[in-house]
Amino acid sequence: MSTHINEGAVKIIEIIGISSKSFDDAIVQALSKASKTVKGITGFEVIRHMASVEDGKIKQYKVNLKLAFPVV
């Protein structure tokens, strides 16, 4: 499947990826989970980075993403 859409329509959904390791891993987690039910993801945009802090240390990394995929 091509990752470029020449014509048609694209749907955008917003999700939050969560990881105890890093912001990059939070993105990987989000894409991994979403791709199980959303077919044909062609790209994403990082909207926001967030983190939960406990005792002065980052406990969870969170990344808010917009995912794009073609409407069929």
PDB file of N, CA and C in Angstrom:
ATOM      1  N   MET A   1       0.845  -1.181   0.000  1.00  0.00           N
ATOM      2  CA  MET A   1       0.000   0.000   0.000  1.00  0.00           C
ATOM      3  C   MET A   1       0.890   1.245   0.000  1.00  0.00           C
ATOM      4  N   SER A   2       0.543   2.190  -0.818  1.00  0.00           N
ATOM      5  CA  SER A   2       1.284   3.440  -0.894  1.00  0.00           C
ATOM      6  C   SER A   2       1.078   4.266   0.374  1.00  0.00           C
ATOM      7  N   THR A   3       2.126   4.959   0.786  1.00  0.00           N
ATOM      8  CA  THR A   3       1.998   5.825   1.955  1.00  0.00           C
ATOM      9  C   THR A   3       1.622   7.245   1.556  1.00  0.00           C
ATOM     10  N   HIS A   4       1.476   7.487   0.259  1.00  0.00           N
ATOM     11  CA  HIS A   4       1.079   8.799  -0.241  1.00  0.00           C
ATOM     12  C   HIS A   4      -0.318   8.695  -0.836  1.00  0.00           C
ATOM     13  N   ILE A   5      -1.172   9.633  -0.488  1.00  0.00           N
ATOM     14  CA  ILE A   5      -2.551   9.628  -0.978  1.00  0.00           C
ATOM     15  C   ILE A   5      -2.691  10.739  -2.013  1.00  0.00           C
ATOM     16  N   ASN A   6      -3.007  10.360  -3.257  1.00  0.00           N
ATOM     17  CA  ASN A   6      -3.131  11.337  -4.331  1.00  0.00           C
ATOM     18  C   ASN A   6      -4.471  12.037  -4.342  1.00  0.00           C
ATOM     19  N   GLU A   7      -5.517  11.302  -4.011  1.00  0.00           N
ATOM     20  CA  GLU A   7      -6.850  11.903  -3.951  1.00  0.00           C
ATOM     21  C   GLU A   7      -7.732  11.052  -3.067  1.00  0.00           C
ATOM     22  N   GLY A   8      -8.857  11.608  -2.656  1.00  0.00           N
ATOM     23  CA  GLY A   8      -9.758  10.904  -1.754  1.00  0.00           C
ATOM     24  C   GLY A   8      -9.903  11.685  -0.471  1.00  0.00           C
ATOM     25  N   ALA A   9      -9.861  10.980   0.631  1.00  0.00           N
ATOM     26  CA  ALA A   9     -10.025  11.629   1.929  1.00  0.00           C
ATOM     27  C   ALA A   9      -9.169  10.921   2.972  1.00  0.00           C
ATOM     28  N   VAL A  10      -8.790  11.667   3.976  1.00  0.00           N
ATOM     29  CA  VAL A  10      -7.984  11.143   5.071  1.00  0.00           C
ATOM     30  C   VAL A  10      -8.721  11.420   6.370  1.00  0.00           C
ATOM     31  N   LYS A  11      -8.754  10.432   7.239  1.00  0.00           N
ATOM     32  CA  LYS A  11      -9.359  10.598   8.559  1.00  0.00           C
ATOM     33  C   LYS A  11      -8.244  10.816   9.568  1.00  0.00           C
ATOM     34  N   ILE A  12      -8.502  11.659  10.557  1.00  0.00           N
ATOM     35  CA  ILE A  12      -7.548  11.952  11.624  1.00  0.00           C
ATOM     36  C   ILE A  12      -8.171  11.553  12.961  1.00  0.00           C
ATOM     37  N   ILE A  13      -7.417  10.784  13.754  1.00  0.00           N
ATOM     38  CA  ILE A  13      -7.854  10.479  15.114  1.00  0.00           C
ATOM     39  C   ILE A  13      -6.749  10.905  16.072  1.00  0.00           C
ATOM     40  N   GLU A  14      -7.121  11.149  17.302  1.00  0.00           N
ATOM     41  CA  GLU A  14      -6.155  11.573  18.306  1.00  0.00           C
ATOM     42  C   GLU A  14      -6.044  10.508  19.383  1.00  0.00           C
ATOM     43  N   ILE A  15      -4.808  10.153  19.713  1.00  0.00           N
ATOM     44  CA  ILE A  15      -4.569   9.143  20.749  1.00  0.00           C
ATOM     45  C   ILE A  15      -3.416   9.594  21.646  1.00  0.00           C
ATOM     46  N   ILE A  16      -3.272   8.934  22.786  1.00  0.00           N
ATOM     47  CA  ILE A  16      -2.161   9.201  23.693  1.00  0.00           C
ATOM     48  C   ILE A  16      -1.392   7.906  23.917  1.00  0.00           C
ATOM     49  N   GLY A  17      -0.098   7.938  23.625  1.00  0.00           N
ATOM     50  CA  GLY A  17       0.778   6.801  23.887  1.00  0.00           C
ATOM     51  C   GLY A  17       1.433   6.976  25.249  1.00  0.00           C
ATOM     52  N   ILE A  18       1.607   5.881  25.960  1.00  0.00           N
ATOM     53  CA  ILE A  18       2.163   5.926  27.316  1.00  0.00           C
ATOM     54  C   ILE A  18       3.297   4.917  27.438  1.00  0.00           C
ATOM     55  N   SER A  19       4.385   5.351  28.086  1.00  0.00           N
ATOM     56  CA  SER A  19       5.536   4.477  28.297  1.00  0.00           C
ATOM     57  C   SER A  19       6.230   4.838  29.601  1.00  0.00           C
ATOM     58  N   SER A  20       6.849   3.851  30.210  1.00  0.00           N
ATOM     59  CA  SER A  20       7.674   4.113  31.394  1.00  0.00           C
ATOM     60  C   SER A  20       9.134   4.329  30.997  1.00  0.00           C
ATOM     61  N   LYS A  21       9.449   4.209  29.682  1.00  0.00           N
ATOM     62  CA  LYS A  21      10.833   4.287  29.213  1.00  0.00           C
ATOM     63  C   LYS A  21      11.236   5.650  28.657  1.00  0.00           C
ATOM     64  N   SER A  22      10.445   6.165  27.680  1.00  0.00           N
ATOM     65  CA  SER A  22      10.832   7.409  27.006  1.00  0.00           C
ATOM     66  C   SER A  22       9.678   7.950  26.173  1.00  0.00           C
ATOM     67  N   PHE A  23       9.834   9.197  25.702  1.00  0.00           N
ATOM     68  CA  PHE A  23       8.846   9.774  24.800  1.00  0.00           C
ATOM     69  C   PHE A  23       8.819   8.996  23.484  1.00  0.00           C
ATOM     70  N   ASP A  24      10.001   8.625  22.971  1.00  0.00           N
ATOM     71  CA  ASP A  24      10.055   7.841  21.729  1.00  0.00           C
ATOM     72  C   ASP A  24       9.310   6.519  21.882  1.00  0.00           C
ATOM     73  N   ASP A  25       9.487   5.867  23.013  1.00  0.00           N
ATOM     74  CA  ASP A  25       8.791   4.600  23.238  1.00  0.00           C
ATOM     75  C   ASP A  25       7.286   4.820  23.366  1.00  0.00           C
ATOM     76  N   ALA A  26       6.864   5.956  23.897  1.00  0.00           N
ATOM     77  CA  ALA A  26       5.431   6.262  23.979  1.00  0.00           C
ATOM     78  C   ALA A  26       4.834   6.364  22.575  1.00  0.00           C
ATOM     79  N   ILE A  27       5.592   6.933  21.638  1.00  0.00           N
ATOM     80  CA  ILE A  27       5.134   7.004  20.242  1.00  0.00           C
ATOM     81  C   ILE A  27       5.037   5.603  19.658  1.00  0.00           C
ATOM     82  N   VAL A  28       6.056   4.791  19.883  1.00  0.00           N
ATOM     83  CA  VAL A  28       6.057   3.409  19.388  1.00  0.00           C
ATOM     84  C   VAL A  28       4.865   2.637  19.971  1.00  0.00           C
ATOM     85  N   GLN A  29       4.610   2.798  21.252  1.00  0.00           N
ATOM     86  CA  GLN A  29       3.482   2.128  21.899  1.00  0.00           C
ATOM     87  C   GLN A  29       2.163   2.545  21.253  1.00  0.00           C
ATOM     88  N   ALA A  30       1.990   3.849  21.038  1.00  0.00           N
ATOM     89  CA  ALA A  30       0.760   4.358  20.434  1.00  0.00           C
ATOM     90  C   ALA A  30       0.552   3.777  19.038  1.00  0.00           C
ATOM     91  N   LEU A  31       1.597   3.808  18.217  1.00  0.00           N
ATOM     92  CA  LEU A  31       1.487   3.275  16.852  1.00  0.00           C
ATOM     93  C   LEU A  31       1.243   1.775  16.848  1.00  0.00           C
ATOM     94  N   SER A  32       1.909   1.064  17.725  1.00  0.00           N
ATOM     95  CA  SER A  32       1.750  -0.384  17.811  1.00  0.00           C
ATOM     96  C   SER A  32       0.322  -0.764  18.180  1.00  0.00           C
ATOM     97  N   LYS A  33      -0.214  -0.121  19.201  1.00  0.00           N
ATOM     98  CA  LYS A  33      -1.584  -0.429  19.650  1.00  0.00           C
ATOM     99  C   LYS A  33      -2.608  -0.008  18.602  1.00  0.00           C
ATOM    100  N   ALA A  34      -2.461   1.206  18.074  1.00  0.00           N
ATOM    101  CA  ALA A  34      -3.436   1.718  17.107  1.00  0.00           C
ATOM    102  C   ALA A  34      -3.457   0.889  15.831  1.00  0.00           C
ATOM    103  N   SER A  35      -2.301   0.434  15.383  1.00  0.00           N
ATOM    104  CA  SER A  35      -2.237  -0.308  14.115  1.00  0.00           C
ATOM    105  C   SER A  35      -2.931  -1.669  14.187  1.00  0.00           C
ATOM    106  N   LYS A  36      -3.258  -2.135  15.389  1.00  0.00           N
ATOM    107  CA  LYS A  36      -3.998  -3.391  15.521  1.00  0.00           C
ATOM    108  C   LYS A  36      -5.456  -3.243  15.091  1.00  0.00           C
ATOM    109  N   THR A  37      -6.006  -2.029  15.213  1.00  0.00           N
ATOM    110  CA  THR A  37      -7.411  -1.817  14.839  1.00  0.00           C
ATOM    111  C   THR A  37      -7.592  -0.774  13.743  1.00  0.00           C
ATOM    112  N   VAL A  38      -6.607   0.098  13.558  1.00  0.00           N
ATOM    113  CA  VAL A  38      -6.688   1.121  12.511  1.00  0.00           C
ATOM    114  C   VAL A  38      -5.762   0.689  11.384  1.00  0.00           C
ATOM    115  N   LYS A  39      -6.336   0.417  10.236  1.00  0.00           N
ATOM    116  CA  LYS A  39      -5.549  -0.072   9.101  1.00  0.00           C
ATOM    117  C   LYS A  39      -5.112   1.071   8.188  1.00  0.00           C
ATOM    118  N   GLY A  40      -3.887   0.972   7.694  1.00  0.00           N
ATOM    119  CA  GLY A  40      -3.393   1.917   6.695  1.00  0.00           C
ATOM    120  C   GLY A  40      -2.927   3.250   7.245  1.00  0.00           C
ATOM    121  N   ILE A  41      -2.421   3.289   8.467  1.00  0.00           N
ATOM    122  CA  ILE A  41      -1.918   4.549   9.020  1.00  0.00           C
ATOM    123  C   ILE A  41      -0.791   5.056   8.117  1.00  0.00           C
ATOM    124  N   THR A  42      -0.914   6.311   7.681  1.00  0.00           N
ATOM    125  CA  THR A  42       0.066   6.866   6.749  1.00  0.00           C
ATOM    126  C   THR A  42       0.976   7.913   7.383  1.00  0.00           C
ATOM    127  N   GLY A  43       0.645   8.365   8.575  1.00  0.00           N
ATOM    128  CA  GLY A  43       1.490   9.363   9.220  1.00  0.00           C
ATOM    129  C   GLY A  43       0.925   9.775  10.562  1.00  0.00           C
ATOM    130  N   PHE A  44       1.718  10.553  11.282  1.00  0.00           N
ATOM    131  CA  PHE A  44       1.243  11.078  12.559  1.00  0.00           C
ATOM    132  C   PHE A  44       1.876  12.435  12.826  1.00  0.00           C
ATOM    133  N   GLU A  45       1.247  13.170  13.716  1.00  0.00           N
ATOM    134  CA  GLU A  45       1.758  14.459  14.176  1.00  0.00           C
ATOM    135  C   GLU A  45       1.795  14.428  15.698  1.00  0.00           C
ATOM    136  N   VAL A  46       2.923  14.788  16.276  1.00  0.00           N
ATOM    137  CA  VAL A  46       3.019  14.877  17.731  1.00  0.00           C
ATOM    138  C   VAL A  46       2.439  16.221  18.145  1.00  0.00           C
ATOM    139  N   ILE A  47       1.411  16.170  18.971  1.00  0.00           N
ATOM    140  CA  ILE A  47       0.729  17.377  19.424  1.00  0.00           C
ATOM    141  C   ILE A  47       1.338  17.893  20.729  1.00  0.00           C
ATOM    142  N   ARG A  48       1.626  16.954  21.631  1.00  0.00           N
ATOM    143  CA  ARG A  48       2.059  17.364  22.964  1.00  0.00           C
ATOM    144  C   ARG A  48       2.866  16.258  23.629  1.00  0.00           C
ATOM    145  N   HIS A  49       3.858  16.656  24.377  1.00  0.00           N
ATOM    146  CA  HIS A  49       4.611  15.749  25.249  1.00  0.00           C
ATOM    147  C   HIS A  49       4.176  16.049  26.680  1.00  0.00           C
ATOM    148  N   MET A  50       3.930  15.007  27.465  1.00  0.00           N
ATOM    149  CA  MET A  50       3.547  15.168  28.868  1.00  0.00           C
ATOM    150  C   MET A  50       4.269  14.103  29.677  1.00  0.00           C
ATOM    151  N   ALA A  51       4.324  14.286  30.981  1.00  0.00           N
ATOM    152  CA  ALA A  51       4.936  13.266  31.827  1.00  0.00           C
ATOM    153  C   ALA A  51       4.310  13.316  33.214  1.00  0.00           C
ATOM    154  N   SER A  52       4.235  12.155  33.842  1.00  0.00           N
ATOM    155  CA  SER A  52       3.821  12.054  35.235  1.00  0.00           C
ATOM    156  C   SER A  52       5.087  11.969  36.076  1.00  0.00           C
ATOM    157  N   VAL A  53       5.123  12.728  37.161  1.00  0.00           N
ATOM    158  CA  VAL A  53       6.312  12.772  38.016  1.00  0.00           C
ATOM    159  C   VAL A  53       5.948  12.274  39.411  1.00  0.00           C
ATOM    160  N   GLU A  54       6.837  11.461  39.954  1.00  0.00           N
ATOM    161  CA  GLU A  54       6.665  10.951  41.312  1.00  0.00           C
ATOM    162  C   GLU A  54       8.021  10.990  42.017  1.00  0.00           C
ATOM    163  N   ASP A  55       8.063  11.597  43.174  1.00  0.00           N
ATOM    164  CA  ASP A  55       9.306  11.726  43.948  1.00  0.00           C
ATOM    165  C   ASP A  55      10.435  12.357  43.134  1.00  0.00           C
ATOM    166  N   GLY A  56      10.087  13.355  42.334  1.00  0.00           N
ATOM    167  CA  GLY A  56      11.087  14.072  41.556  1.00  0.00           C
ATOM    168  C   GLY A  56      11.609  13.340  40.335  1.00  0.00           C
ATOM    169  N   LYS A  57      11.004  12.201  39.990  1.00  0.00           N
ATOM    170  CA  LYS A  57      11.437  11.429  38.827  1.00  0.00           C
ATOM    171  C   LYS A  57      10.255  11.174  37.894  1.00  0.00           C
ATOM    172  N   ILE A  58      10.555  11.071  36.611  1.00  0.00           N
ATOM    173  CA  ILE A  58       9.501  10.788  35.639  1.00  0.00           C
ATOM    174  C   ILE A  58       9.039   9.351  35.814  1.00  0.00           C
ATOM    175  N   LYS A  59       7.737   9.206  36.031  1.00  0.00           N
ATOM    176  CA  LYS A  59       7.147   7.875  36.194  1.00  0.00           C
ATOM    177  C   LYS A  59       6.583   7.361  34.866  1.00  0.00           C
ATOM    178  N   GLN A  60       5.927   8.253  34.115  1.00  0.00           N
ATOM    179  CA  GLN A  60       5.363   7.877  32.818  1.00  0.00           C
ATOM    180  C   GLN A  60       5.573   8.995  31.811  1.00  0.00           C
ATOM    181  N   TYR A  61       5.965   8.604  30.612  1.00  0.00           N
ATOM    182  CA  TYR A  61       6.058   9.517  29.483  1.00  0.00           C
ATOM    183  C   TYR A  61       4.775   9.374  28.674  1.00  0.00           C
ATOM    184  N   LYS A  62       4.212  10.504  28.261  1.00  0.00           N
ATOM    185  CA  LYS A  62       2.966  10.480  27.495  1.00  0.00           C
ATOM    186  C   LYS A  62       3.120  11.379  26.265  1.00  0.00           C
ATOM    187  N   VAL A  63       2.631  10.890  25.147  1.00  0.00           N
ATOM    188  CA  VAL A  63       2.700  11.651  23.901  1.00  0.00           C
ATOM    189  C   VAL A  63       1.325  11.647  23.253  1.00  0.00           C
ATOM    190  N   ASN A  64       0.806  12.840  23.007  1.00  0.00           N
ATOM    191  CA  ASN A  64      -0.481  13.000  22.338  1.00  0.00           C
ATOM    192  C   ASN A  64      -0.209  13.074  20.838  1.00  0.00           C
ATOM    193  N   LEU A  65      -0.811  12.163  20.070  1.00  0.00           N
ATOM    194  CA  LEU A  65      -0.599  12.067  18.622  1.00  0.00           C
ATOM    195  C   LEU A  65      -1.889  12.222  17.848  1.00  0.00           C
ATOM    196  N   LYS A  66      -1.774  12.783  16.647  1.00  0.00           N
ATOM    197  CA  LYS A  66      -2.846  12.717  15.662  1.00  0.00           C
ATOM    198  C   LYS A  66      -2.384  11.719  14.609  1.00  0.00           C
ATOM    199  N   LEU A  67      -3.184  10.684  14.365  1.00  0.00           N
ATOM    200  CA  LEU A  67      -2.869   9.678  13.362  1.00  0.00           C
ATOM    201  C   LEU A  67      -3.702   9.929  12.104  1.00  0.00           C
ATOM    202  N   ALA A  68      -3.109   9.740  10.946  1.00  0.00           N
ATOM    203  CA  ALA A  68      -3.806   9.904   9.674  1.00  0.00           C
ATOM    204  C   ALA A  68      -3.885   8.570   8.950  1.00  0.00           C
ATOM    205  N   PHE A  69      -5.056   8.316   8.349  1.00  0.00           N
ATOM    206  CA  PHE A  69      -5.232   7.126   7.533  1.00  0.00           C
ATOM    207  C   PHE A  69      -6.322   7.385   6.505  1.00  0.00           C
ATOM    208  N   PRO A  70      -6.248   6.720   5.340  1.00  0.00           N
ATOM    209  CA  PRO A  70      -7.210   6.982   4.268  1.00  0.00           C
ATOM    210  C   PRO A  70      -8.600   6.452   4.613  1.00  0.00           C
ATOM    211  N   VAL A  71      -9.591   7.188   4.165  1.00  0.00           N
ATOM    212  CA  VAL A  71     -10.979   6.743   4.273  1.00  0.00           C
ATOM    213  C   VAL A  71     -11.265   5.854   3.065  1.00  0.00           C
ATOM    214  N   VAL A  72     -11.757   4.658   3.313  1.00  0.00           N
ATOM    215  CA  VAL A  72     -12.044   3.739   2.202  1.00  0.00           C
ATOM    216  C   VAL A  72     -13.525   3.547   2.012  1.00  0.00           C
TER     217      VAL A  72
END
